[in-house]
N, C-alpha and C. Protein backbone atom coordinates (compact mmCIF):
# COMPACT_ATOMS: atom_id res chain seq x y z
N UNK A 1 157.64 85.24 96.27
CA UNK A 1 156.27 85.58 96.61
C UNK A 1 155.59 86.25 95.42
N UNK A 2 154.32 86.00 95.31
CA UNK A 2 153.53 86.56 94.23
C UNK A 2 152.77 87.76 94.76
N UNK A 3 152.71 88.81 93.98
CA UNK A 3 152.08 90.04 94.48
C UNK A 3 150.61 90.13 94.11
N UNK A 4 150.13 89.32 93.19
CA UNK A 4 148.70 89.39 92.87
C UNK A 4 148.03 88.07 93.18
N UNK A 5 146.73 88.12 93.30
CA UNK A 5 145.96 86.95 93.71
C UNK A 5 145.81 85.98 92.55
N UNK A 6 146.03 84.72 92.84
CA UNK A 6 145.84 83.64 91.88
C UNK A 6 144.43 83.08 92.10
N UNK A 7 143.78 82.56 91.06
CA UNK A 7 142.41 82.06 91.19
C UNK A 7 142.31 80.83 92.07
N UNK A 8 143.31 79.94 92.02
CA UNK A 8 143.23 78.69 92.78
C UNK A 8 143.88 78.79 94.14
N UNK A 9 144.94 79.54 94.30
CA UNK A 9 145.66 79.59 95.55
C UNK A 9 145.82 81.04 95.98
N UNK A 10 145.72 81.25 97.28
CA UNK A 10 146.00 82.57 97.83
C UNK A 10 147.44 82.54 98.34
N UNK A 11 148.24 83.49 97.88
CA UNK A 11 149.65 83.52 98.26
C UNK A 11 149.88 84.79 99.06
N UNK A 12 150.55 84.64 100.18
CA UNK A 12 150.77 85.76 101.07
C UNK A 12 151.99 86.56 100.63
N UNK A 13 151.83 87.85 100.54
CA UNK A 13 152.91 88.77 100.20
C UNK A 13 153.10 89.71 101.38
N UNK A 14 154.29 89.74 101.99
CA UNK A 14 154.49 90.59 103.18
C UNK A 14 154.18 92.06 102.93
N UNK A 15 154.46 92.56 101.73
CA UNK A 15 154.18 93.97 101.44
C UNK A 15 152.68 94.23 101.45
N UNK A 16 151.90 93.27 100.95
CA UNK A 16 150.46 93.47 100.91
C UNK A 16 149.81 93.29 102.28
N UNK A 17 150.44 92.48 103.16
CA UNK A 17 149.91 92.31 104.51
C UNK A 17 150.02 93.63 105.26
N UNK A 18 151.14 94.34 105.05
CA UNK A 18 151.31 95.63 105.70
C UNK A 18 150.30 96.65 105.19
N UNK A 19 149.89 96.54 103.94
CA UNK A 19 148.94 97.48 103.35
C UNK A 19 147.48 97.13 103.68
N UNK A 20 147.24 96.07 104.44
CA UNK A 20 145.88 95.73 104.82
C UNK A 20 145.32 94.53 104.07
N UNK A 21 146.01 94.00 103.07
CA UNK A 21 145.55 92.81 102.37
C UNK A 21 146.01 91.59 103.16
N UNK A 22 145.13 90.65 103.42
CA UNK A 22 145.49 89.48 104.19
C UNK A 22 145.16 88.22 103.39
N UNK A 23 145.99 87.93 102.41
CA UNK A 23 145.84 86.73 101.62
C UNK A 23 146.74 85.66 102.21
N UNK A 24 146.20 84.45 102.37
CA UNK A 24 146.99 83.37 102.93
C UNK A 24 147.10 82.24 101.92
N UNK A 25 148.12 81.43 102.10
CA UNK A 25 148.33 80.27 101.24
C UNK A 25 147.32 79.20 101.60
N UNK A 26 146.52 78.79 100.64
CA UNK A 26 145.48 77.79 100.87
C UNK A 26 145.63 76.69 99.85
N UNK A 27 146.26 75.56 100.24
CA UNK A 27 146.47 74.46 99.31
C UNK A 27 145.32 73.46 99.33
N UNK A 28 144.48 73.50 100.36
CA UNK A 28 143.35 72.59 100.46
C UNK A 28 142.11 73.28 99.90
N UNK A 29 141.58 72.74 98.84
CA UNK A 29 140.40 73.32 98.22
C UNK A 29 139.23 72.35 98.42
N UNK A 30 138.33 72.62 99.37
CA UNK A 30 137.24 71.68 99.63
C UNK A 30 136.24 71.57 98.49
N UNK A 31 136.24 72.50 97.56
CA UNK A 31 135.32 72.44 96.42
C UNK A 31 135.87 71.59 95.27
N UNK A 32 137.10 71.13 95.41
CA UNK A 32 137.73 70.32 94.38
C UNK A 32 137.07 68.94 94.34
N UNK A 33 136.60 68.50 93.16
CA UNK A 33 135.93 67.19 93.10
C UNK A 33 136.88 66.01 93.31
N UNK A 34 138.19 66.23 93.21
CA UNK A 34 139.15 65.14 93.39
C UNK A 34 139.55 64.94 94.84
N UNK A 35 138.94 65.67 95.78
CA UNK A 35 139.35 65.58 97.17
C UNK A 35 139.06 64.20 97.74
N UNK A 36 138.01 63.53 97.26
CA UNK A 36 137.65 62.20 97.73
C UNK A 36 138.07 61.11 96.76
N UNK A 37 139.00 61.40 95.89
CA UNK A 37 139.41 60.44 94.87
C UNK A 37 139.95 59.15 95.48
N UNK A 38 140.89 59.25 96.42
CA UNK A 38 141.46 58.05 97.03
C UNK A 38 140.43 57.31 97.87
N UNK A 39 139.53 58.08 98.49
CA UNK A 39 138.48 57.47 99.28
C UNK A 39 137.55 56.64 98.39
N UNK A 40 137.19 57.15 97.24
CA UNK A 40 136.31 56.43 96.33
C UNK A 40 137.03 55.24 95.69
N UNK A 41 138.33 55.37 95.43
CA UNK A 41 139.10 54.23 94.90
C UNK A 41 139.15 53.12 95.94
N UNK A 42 139.39 53.48 97.20
CA UNK A 42 139.41 52.49 98.28
C UNK A 42 138.04 51.82 98.42
N UNK A 43 136.99 52.59 98.33
CA UNK A 43 135.63 52.03 98.40
C UNK A 43 135.38 51.06 97.26
N UNK A 44 135.84 51.40 96.07
CA UNK A 44 135.66 50.52 94.91
C UNK A 44 136.47 49.23 95.06
N UNK A 45 137.68 49.33 95.61
CA UNK A 45 138.49 48.13 95.83
C UNK A 45 137.82 47.20 96.83
N UNK A 46 137.23 47.77 97.88
CA UNK A 46 136.53 46.94 98.87
C UNK A 46 135.29 46.31 98.24
N UNK A 47 134.59 47.04 97.37
CA UNK A 47 133.41 46.47 96.71
C UNK A 47 133.80 45.33 95.77
N UNK A 48 134.90 45.50 95.04
CA UNK A 48 135.31 44.47 94.09
C UNK A 48 135.92 43.25 94.78
N UNK A 49 136.72 43.46 95.79
CA UNK A 49 137.42 42.36 96.43
C UNK A 49 136.79 41.88 97.72
N UNK A 50 135.76 42.59 98.19
CA UNK A 50 135.13 42.24 99.46
C UNK A 50 133.90 41.39 99.27
N UNK A 51 133.07 41.38 100.27
CA UNK A 51 131.86 40.56 100.27
C UNK A 51 130.65 41.43 100.61
N UNK A 52 129.49 40.92 100.26
CA UNK A 52 128.25 41.57 100.65
C UNK A 52 127.93 41.13 102.08
N UNK A 53 127.65 42.11 102.91
CA UNK A 53 127.37 41.85 104.32
C UNK A 53 126.04 42.50 104.70
N UNK A 54 125.32 41.85 105.56
CA UNK A 54 124.08 42.40 106.09
C UNK A 54 124.37 42.93 107.49
N UNK A 55 124.07 44.20 107.72
CA UNK A 55 124.28 44.80 109.04
C UNK A 55 122.92 45.06 109.67
N UNK A 56 122.74 44.50 110.85
CA UNK A 56 121.55 44.76 111.66
C UNK A 56 121.96 45.81 112.69
N UNK A 57 121.37 46.99 112.58
CA UNK A 57 121.77 48.11 113.43
C UNK A 57 121.24 47.93 114.86
N UNK A 58 122.12 48.23 115.79
CA UNK A 58 121.78 48.21 117.21
C UNK A 58 121.22 49.58 117.57
N UNK A 59 120.04 49.57 118.17
CA UNK A 59 119.39 50.81 118.58
C UNK A 59 119.63 50.95 120.08
N UNK A 60 120.40 51.96 120.45
CA UNK A 60 120.74 52.14 121.86
C UNK A 60 119.54 52.67 122.62
N UNK A 61 119.33 52.10 123.80
CA UNK A 61 118.26 52.58 124.67
C UNK A 61 118.79 52.69 126.09
N UNK A 62 117.89 52.87 127.05
CA UNK A 62 118.33 53.11 128.42
C UNK A 62 118.20 51.87 129.31
N UNK A 63 118.25 50.68 128.76
CA UNK A 63 118.14 49.45 129.55
C UNK A 63 119.51 48.91 129.93
N UNK A 64 120.46 49.76 130.17
CA UNK A 64 121.81 49.33 130.50
C UNK A 64 121.89 48.94 131.96
N UNK A 65 122.38 47.73 132.23
CA UNK A 65 122.49 47.21 133.58
C UNK A 65 123.93 47.42 134.08
N UNK A 66 124.09 48.30 135.08
CA UNK A 66 125.43 48.61 135.58
C UNK A 66 126.05 47.44 136.34
N UNK A 67 125.22 46.62 136.97
CA UNK A 67 125.74 45.49 137.73
C UNK A 67 126.45 44.48 136.84
N UNK A 68 125.81 44.12 135.72
CA UNK A 68 126.40 43.16 134.79
C UNK A 68 127.19 43.82 133.66
N UNK A 69 127.17 45.14 133.62
CA UNK A 69 127.88 45.92 132.62
C UNK A 69 127.49 45.49 131.20
N UNK A 70 126.17 45.40 130.97
CA UNK A 70 125.67 45.03 129.66
C UNK A 70 124.25 45.53 129.49
N UNK A 71 123.80 45.55 128.27
CA UNK A 71 122.43 45.90 127.96
C UNK A 71 121.63 44.61 127.92
N UNK A 72 120.69 44.45 128.81
CA UNK A 72 119.97 43.19 128.95
C UNK A 72 119.05 42.90 127.78
N UNK A 73 118.37 43.88 127.27
CA UNK A 73 117.45 43.68 126.15
C UNK A 73 117.90 44.56 124.99
N UNK A 74 118.77 44.03 124.18
CA UNK A 74 119.27 44.80 123.05
C UNK A 74 118.22 44.87 121.96
N UNK A 75 117.98 46.08 121.48
CA UNK A 75 117.01 46.29 120.42
C UNK A 75 117.79 46.34 119.10
N UNK A 76 117.54 45.36 118.24
CA UNK A 76 118.21 45.26 116.95
C UNK A 76 117.16 45.50 115.87
N UNK A 77 117.53 46.28 114.86
CA UNK A 77 116.58 46.53 113.78
C UNK A 77 116.27 45.21 113.06
N UNK A 78 115.00 44.97 112.75
CA UNK A 78 114.64 43.70 112.09
C UNK A 78 115.06 43.65 110.63
N UNK A 79 115.19 44.81 109.99
CA UNK A 79 115.56 44.86 108.58
C UNK A 79 117.06 45.13 108.46
N UNK A 80 117.79 44.27 107.76
CA UNK A 80 119.23 44.50 107.60
C UNK A 80 119.51 45.52 106.50
N UNK A 81 120.70 46.07 106.55
CA UNK A 81 121.19 46.98 105.52
C UNK A 81 122.31 46.27 104.78
N UNK A 82 122.22 46.21 103.46
CA UNK A 82 123.24 45.55 102.64
C UNK A 82 124.40 46.50 102.39
N UNK A 83 125.60 46.08 102.79
CA UNK A 83 126.81 46.87 102.58
C UNK A 83 127.89 45.97 102.01
N UNK A 84 128.98 46.59 101.60
CA UNK A 84 130.15 45.85 101.14
C UNK A 84 131.28 46.07 102.14
N UNK A 85 131.97 45.01 102.45
CA UNK A 85 133.08 45.09 103.38
C UNK A 85 134.07 43.97 103.08
N UNK A 86 135.19 44.05 103.73
CA UNK A 86 136.23 43.04 103.52
C UNK A 86 136.43 42.26 104.81
N UNK A 87 136.50 40.94 104.67
CA UNK A 87 136.87 40.09 105.78
C UNK A 87 137.39 38.78 105.23
N UNK A 88 138.18 38.09 106.02
CA UNK A 88 138.71 36.80 105.63
C UNK A 88 137.98 35.74 106.45
N UNK A 89 137.15 34.92 105.82
CA UNK A 89 136.44 33.89 106.59
C UNK A 89 137.42 32.96 107.28
N UNK A 90 137.19 32.75 108.55
CA UNK A 90 138.05 31.88 109.35
C UNK A 90 137.22 30.76 109.94
N UNK A 91 137.81 29.59 110.09
CA UNK A 91 137.04 28.52 110.74
C UNK A 91 136.81 28.86 112.21
N UNK A 92 135.69 28.41 112.70
CA UNK A 92 135.35 28.68 114.10
C UNK A 92 136.17 27.72 114.96
N UNK A 93 136.94 28.29 115.85
CA UNK A 93 137.82 27.51 116.71
C UNK A 93 137.18 27.41 118.09
N UNK A 94 136.68 26.24 118.42
CA UNK A 94 136.04 26.01 119.71
C UNK A 94 136.95 25.16 120.58
N UNK A 95 137.42 25.74 121.65
CA UNK A 95 138.32 25.04 122.56
C UNK A 95 137.56 24.58 123.79
N UNK A 96 137.85 23.37 124.22
CA UNK A 96 137.25 22.84 125.43
C UNK A 96 138.15 23.18 126.61
N UNK A 97 137.62 23.97 127.53
CA UNK A 97 138.37 24.36 128.72
C UNK A 97 137.64 23.84 129.95
N UNK A 98 138.17 24.16 131.12
CA UNK A 98 137.51 23.73 132.35
C UNK A 98 136.16 24.41 132.56
N UNK A 99 135.91 25.50 131.80
CA UNK A 99 134.63 26.22 131.91
C UNK A 99 133.66 25.84 130.80
N UNK A 100 134.03 24.93 129.94
CA UNK A 100 133.17 24.50 128.85
C UNK A 100 133.78 24.88 127.50
N UNK A 101 132.96 24.82 126.47
CA UNK A 101 133.43 25.16 125.13
C UNK A 101 133.45 26.67 124.98
N UNK A 102 134.59 27.20 124.54
CA UNK A 102 134.73 28.64 124.36
C UNK A 102 135.22 28.94 122.96
N UNK A 103 134.64 29.97 122.38
CA UNK A 103 135.09 30.47 121.09
C UNK A 103 135.98 31.67 121.37
N UNK A 104 137.23 31.58 120.98
CA UNK A 104 138.18 32.61 121.36
C UNK A 104 138.64 33.50 120.21
N UNK A 105 138.38 33.10 118.98
CA UNK A 105 138.88 33.91 117.88
C UNK A 105 137.82 34.92 117.43
N UNK A 106 138.28 36.12 117.13
CA UNK A 106 137.42 37.19 116.64
C UNK A 106 137.46 37.21 115.12
N UNK A 107 136.38 37.65 114.54
CA UNK A 107 136.33 37.89 113.09
C UNK A 107 136.56 39.38 112.89
N UNK A 108 137.38 39.72 111.94
CA UNK A 108 137.71 41.13 111.68
C UNK A 108 137.06 41.55 110.37
N UNK A 109 136.28 42.62 110.43
CA UNK A 109 135.63 43.20 109.25
C UNK A 109 136.22 44.58 109.01
N UNK A 110 136.45 44.92 107.74
CA UNK A 110 136.99 46.23 107.39
C UNK A 110 136.03 46.92 106.44
N UNK A 111 135.70 48.17 106.77
CA UNK A 111 134.79 48.97 105.95
C UNK A 111 135.45 50.31 105.63
N UNK A 112 135.06 50.91 104.52
CA UNK A 112 135.45 52.27 104.22
C UNK A 112 134.52 53.18 105.01
N UNK A 113 135.08 54.07 105.82
CA UNK A 113 134.28 54.90 106.73
C UNK A 113 133.32 55.81 105.97
N UNK A 114 133.78 56.42 104.90
CA UNK A 114 132.93 57.32 104.13
C UNK A 114 131.72 56.57 103.56
N UNK A 115 131.95 55.37 103.04
CA UNK A 115 130.89 54.56 102.46
C UNK A 115 129.88 54.12 103.52
N UNK A 116 130.36 53.66 104.68
CA UNK A 116 129.48 53.20 105.75
C UNK A 116 128.64 54.35 106.29
N UNK A 117 129.26 55.52 106.46
CA UNK A 117 128.50 56.68 106.93
C UNK A 117 127.41 57.08 105.94
N UNK A 118 127.70 56.91 104.66
CA UNK A 118 126.71 57.25 103.64
C UNK A 118 125.54 56.27 103.65
N UNK A 119 125.82 54.98 103.85
CA UNK A 119 124.77 53.95 103.81
C UNK A 119 124.01 53.88 105.14
N UNK A 120 124.72 53.78 106.26
CA UNK A 120 124.07 53.61 107.57
C UNK A 120 123.66 54.91 108.22
N UNK A 121 124.22 56.02 107.75
CA UNK A 121 124.04 57.34 108.34
C UNK A 121 124.67 57.46 109.73
N UNK A 122 125.61 56.57 110.01
CA UNK A 122 126.40 56.58 111.24
C UNK A 122 127.52 55.56 111.08
N UNK A 123 128.45 55.54 112.04
CA UNK A 123 129.50 54.52 112.03
C UNK A 123 128.94 53.19 112.52
N UNK A 124 129.68 52.13 112.29
CA UNK A 124 129.36 50.85 112.91
C UNK A 124 129.73 50.99 114.39
N UNK A 125 128.84 50.53 115.28
CA UNK A 125 129.08 50.67 116.72
C UNK A 125 129.05 49.30 117.38
N UNK A 126 129.67 49.18 118.55
CA UNK A 126 129.55 47.91 119.28
C UNK A 126 128.09 47.60 119.57
N UNK A 127 127.71 46.37 119.31
CA UNK A 127 126.31 45.96 119.46
C UNK A 127 125.66 45.66 118.13
N UNK A 128 126.18 46.25 117.05
CA UNK A 128 125.66 45.93 115.72
C UNK A 128 125.92 44.47 115.40
N UNK A 129 125.08 43.90 114.57
CA UNK A 129 125.26 42.51 114.17
C UNK A 129 125.56 42.46 112.67
N UNK A 130 126.51 41.62 112.30
CA UNK A 130 126.92 41.48 110.91
C UNK A 130 126.72 40.03 110.49
N UNK A 131 126.10 39.86 109.34
CA UNK A 131 125.89 38.52 108.80
C UNK A 131 126.36 38.52 107.35
N UNK A 132 127.38 37.73 107.02
CA UNK A 132 127.78 37.61 105.62
C UNK A 132 126.61 37.04 104.81
N UNK A 133 126.42 37.55 103.62
CA UNK A 133 125.26 37.15 102.82
C UNK A 133 125.31 35.69 102.42
N UNK A 134 126.50 35.12 102.28
CA UNK A 134 126.60 33.74 101.82
C UNK A 134 126.82 32.75 102.97
N UNK A 135 126.82 33.20 104.21
CA UNK A 135 126.99 32.31 105.36
C UNK A 135 125.76 32.41 106.27
N UNK A 136 125.55 31.40 107.06
CA UNK A 136 124.44 31.42 108.00
C UNK A 136 124.96 31.63 109.42
N UNK A 137 125.90 32.54 109.57
CA UNK A 137 126.49 32.85 110.87
C UNK A 137 126.36 34.34 111.10
N UNK A 138 125.95 34.71 112.30
CA UNK A 138 125.90 36.12 112.67
C UNK A 138 127.02 36.42 113.64
N UNK A 139 127.54 37.63 113.51
CA UNK A 139 128.60 38.11 114.39
C UNK A 139 128.11 39.36 115.10
N UNK A 140 128.52 39.53 116.34
CA UNK A 140 128.18 40.75 117.07
C UNK A 140 129.45 41.56 117.27
N UNK A 141 129.40 42.81 116.86
CA UNK A 141 130.56 43.70 116.95
C UNK A 141 130.78 44.07 118.42
N UNK A 142 132.02 43.92 118.89
CA UNK A 142 132.31 44.32 120.27
C UNK A 142 133.39 45.39 120.35
N UNK A 143 134.07 45.69 119.24
CA UNK A 143 135.08 46.74 119.25
C UNK A 143 135.21 47.32 117.85
N UNK A 144 135.30 48.64 117.77
CA UNK A 144 135.46 49.33 116.49
C UNK A 144 136.66 50.27 116.61
N UNK A 145 137.57 50.14 115.67
CA UNK A 145 138.77 50.99 115.65
C UNK A 145 138.81 51.71 114.32
N UNK A 146 139.14 53.01 114.36
CA UNK A 146 139.27 53.78 113.13
C UNK A 146 140.73 53.76 112.70
N UNK A 147 140.95 53.32 111.48
CA UNK A 147 142.29 53.27 110.90
C UNK A 147 142.33 54.31 109.80
N UNK A 148 143.44 55.02 109.67
CA UNK A 148 143.46 56.09 108.68
C UNK A 148 144.78 56.15 107.93
N UNK A 149 144.67 56.59 106.71
CA UNK A 149 145.81 56.98 105.88
C UNK A 149 145.64 58.47 105.64
N UNK A 150 146.09 59.27 106.61
CA UNK A 150 145.79 60.70 106.61
C UNK A 150 146.33 61.43 105.40
N UNK A 151 147.44 60.95 104.86
CA UNK A 151 148.04 61.63 103.70
C UNK A 151 147.07 61.59 102.52
N UNK A 152 146.37 60.45 102.36
CA UNK A 152 145.46 60.29 101.23
C UNK A 152 144.02 60.61 101.59
N UNK A 153 143.70 60.77 102.87
CA UNK A 153 142.34 61.05 103.28
C UNK A 153 141.43 59.83 103.28
N UNK A 154 142.01 58.63 103.45
CA UNK A 154 141.23 57.40 103.45
C UNK A 154 141.10 56.92 104.90
N UNK A 155 139.88 56.64 105.30
CA UNK A 155 139.61 56.17 106.65
C UNK A 155 138.88 54.84 106.60
N UNK A 156 139.33 53.88 107.41
CA UNK A 156 138.70 52.57 107.53
C UNK A 156 138.11 52.41 108.92
N UNK A 157 137.07 51.64 109.01
CA UNK A 157 136.56 51.17 110.28
C UNK A 157 136.90 49.69 110.37
N UNK A 158 137.66 49.32 111.37
CA UNK A 158 138.00 47.92 111.59
C UNK A 158 137.17 47.44 112.76
N UNK A 159 136.33 46.45 112.50
CA UNK A 159 135.38 45.95 113.50
C UNK A 159 135.78 44.55 113.93
N UNK A 160 135.89 44.36 115.23
CA UNK A 160 136.15 43.04 115.80
C UNK A 160 134.83 42.49 116.30
N UNK A 161 134.50 41.28 115.86
CA UNK A 161 133.20 40.70 116.19
C UNK A 161 133.36 39.27 116.66
N UNK A 162 132.44 38.85 117.51
CA UNK A 162 132.40 37.48 118.00
C UNK A 162 131.20 36.76 117.40
N UNK A 163 131.32 35.45 117.25
CA UNK A 163 130.23 34.64 116.73
C UNK A 163 129.09 34.65 117.74
N UNK A 164 127.88 34.84 117.22
CA UNK A 164 126.71 34.77 118.09
C UNK A 164 126.24 33.33 118.14
N UNK A 165 126.10 32.81 119.32
CA UNK A 165 125.71 31.41 119.47
C UNK A 165 124.20 31.24 119.40
N UNK A 166 123.44 32.24 119.82
CA UNK A 166 121.98 32.15 119.80
C UNK A 166 121.48 32.56 118.43
N UNK A 167 120.46 31.88 117.96
CA UNK A 167 119.82 32.33 116.73
C UNK A 167 118.66 33.25 117.07
N UNK A 168 118.00 33.78 116.06
CA UNK A 168 116.93 34.75 116.28
C UNK A 168 115.76 34.16 117.05
N UNK A 169 115.40 32.90 116.78
CA UNK A 169 114.26 32.30 117.47
C UNK A 169 114.54 32.15 118.96
N UNK A 170 115.76 31.78 119.32
CA UNK A 170 116.12 31.64 120.72
C UNK A 170 116.02 32.98 121.44
N UNK A 171 116.50 34.02 120.79
CA UNK A 171 116.44 35.34 121.41
C UNK A 171 114.99 35.81 121.57
N UNK A 172 114.15 35.55 120.56
CA UNK A 172 112.74 35.94 120.66
C UNK A 172 112.04 35.18 121.78
N UNK A 173 112.37 33.88 121.93
CA UNK A 173 111.76 33.10 123.00
C UNK A 173 112.16 33.63 124.36
N UNK A 174 113.43 34.04 124.51
CA UNK A 174 113.87 34.59 125.80
C UNK A 174 113.12 35.89 126.11
N UNK A 175 112.96 36.76 125.09
CA UNK A 175 112.26 38.02 125.32
C UNK A 175 110.79 37.76 125.65
N UNK A 176 110.15 36.80 124.97
CA UNK A 176 108.74 36.51 125.24
C UNK A 176 108.55 35.93 126.64
N UNK A 177 109.49 35.09 127.08
CA UNK A 177 109.35 34.51 128.41
C UNK A 177 109.62 35.52 129.51
N UNK A 178 110.40 36.57 129.23
CA UNK A 178 110.65 37.62 130.21
C UNK A 178 109.45 38.52 130.41
N UNK A 179 108.61 38.61 129.37
CA UNK A 179 107.46 39.50 129.47
C UNK A 179 106.37 38.91 130.23
């Protein structure tokens, strides 16, 4: 044990605790600029190896229908936010069943949580729409899971999304006809 105070770490000395000094061992220094080092490296790897994605933010309102367990008139921001994320483009698998054509595969998007919070000012939430910049397909997020590497302080948001079958004009026509 060390009997005097160190500038970077506080070390507890039992003799000094009895005398009224209460120094504790503090290995986590939040003022250290390297605290987000792994987080920024992960963000850079996603930017270099990932894709540019457009996120249309879902604005939650009080039009939730309990009977159908869905929001009937989802309000989506008209202006997208450009972010970087990782995903593996997969072919759309449409299976013909007794109920018609069904799309059963989900697209998985991975984002760095720190980066997304900085850009969107919130996490990605179910209801958000994601459109890859180089594709003409929109996906609607239906599940978000937080994945973490706690030892390094790196957090990912893993988003599961389904292909949206309606385009923007179809949705606008439905809203106009409802009014």
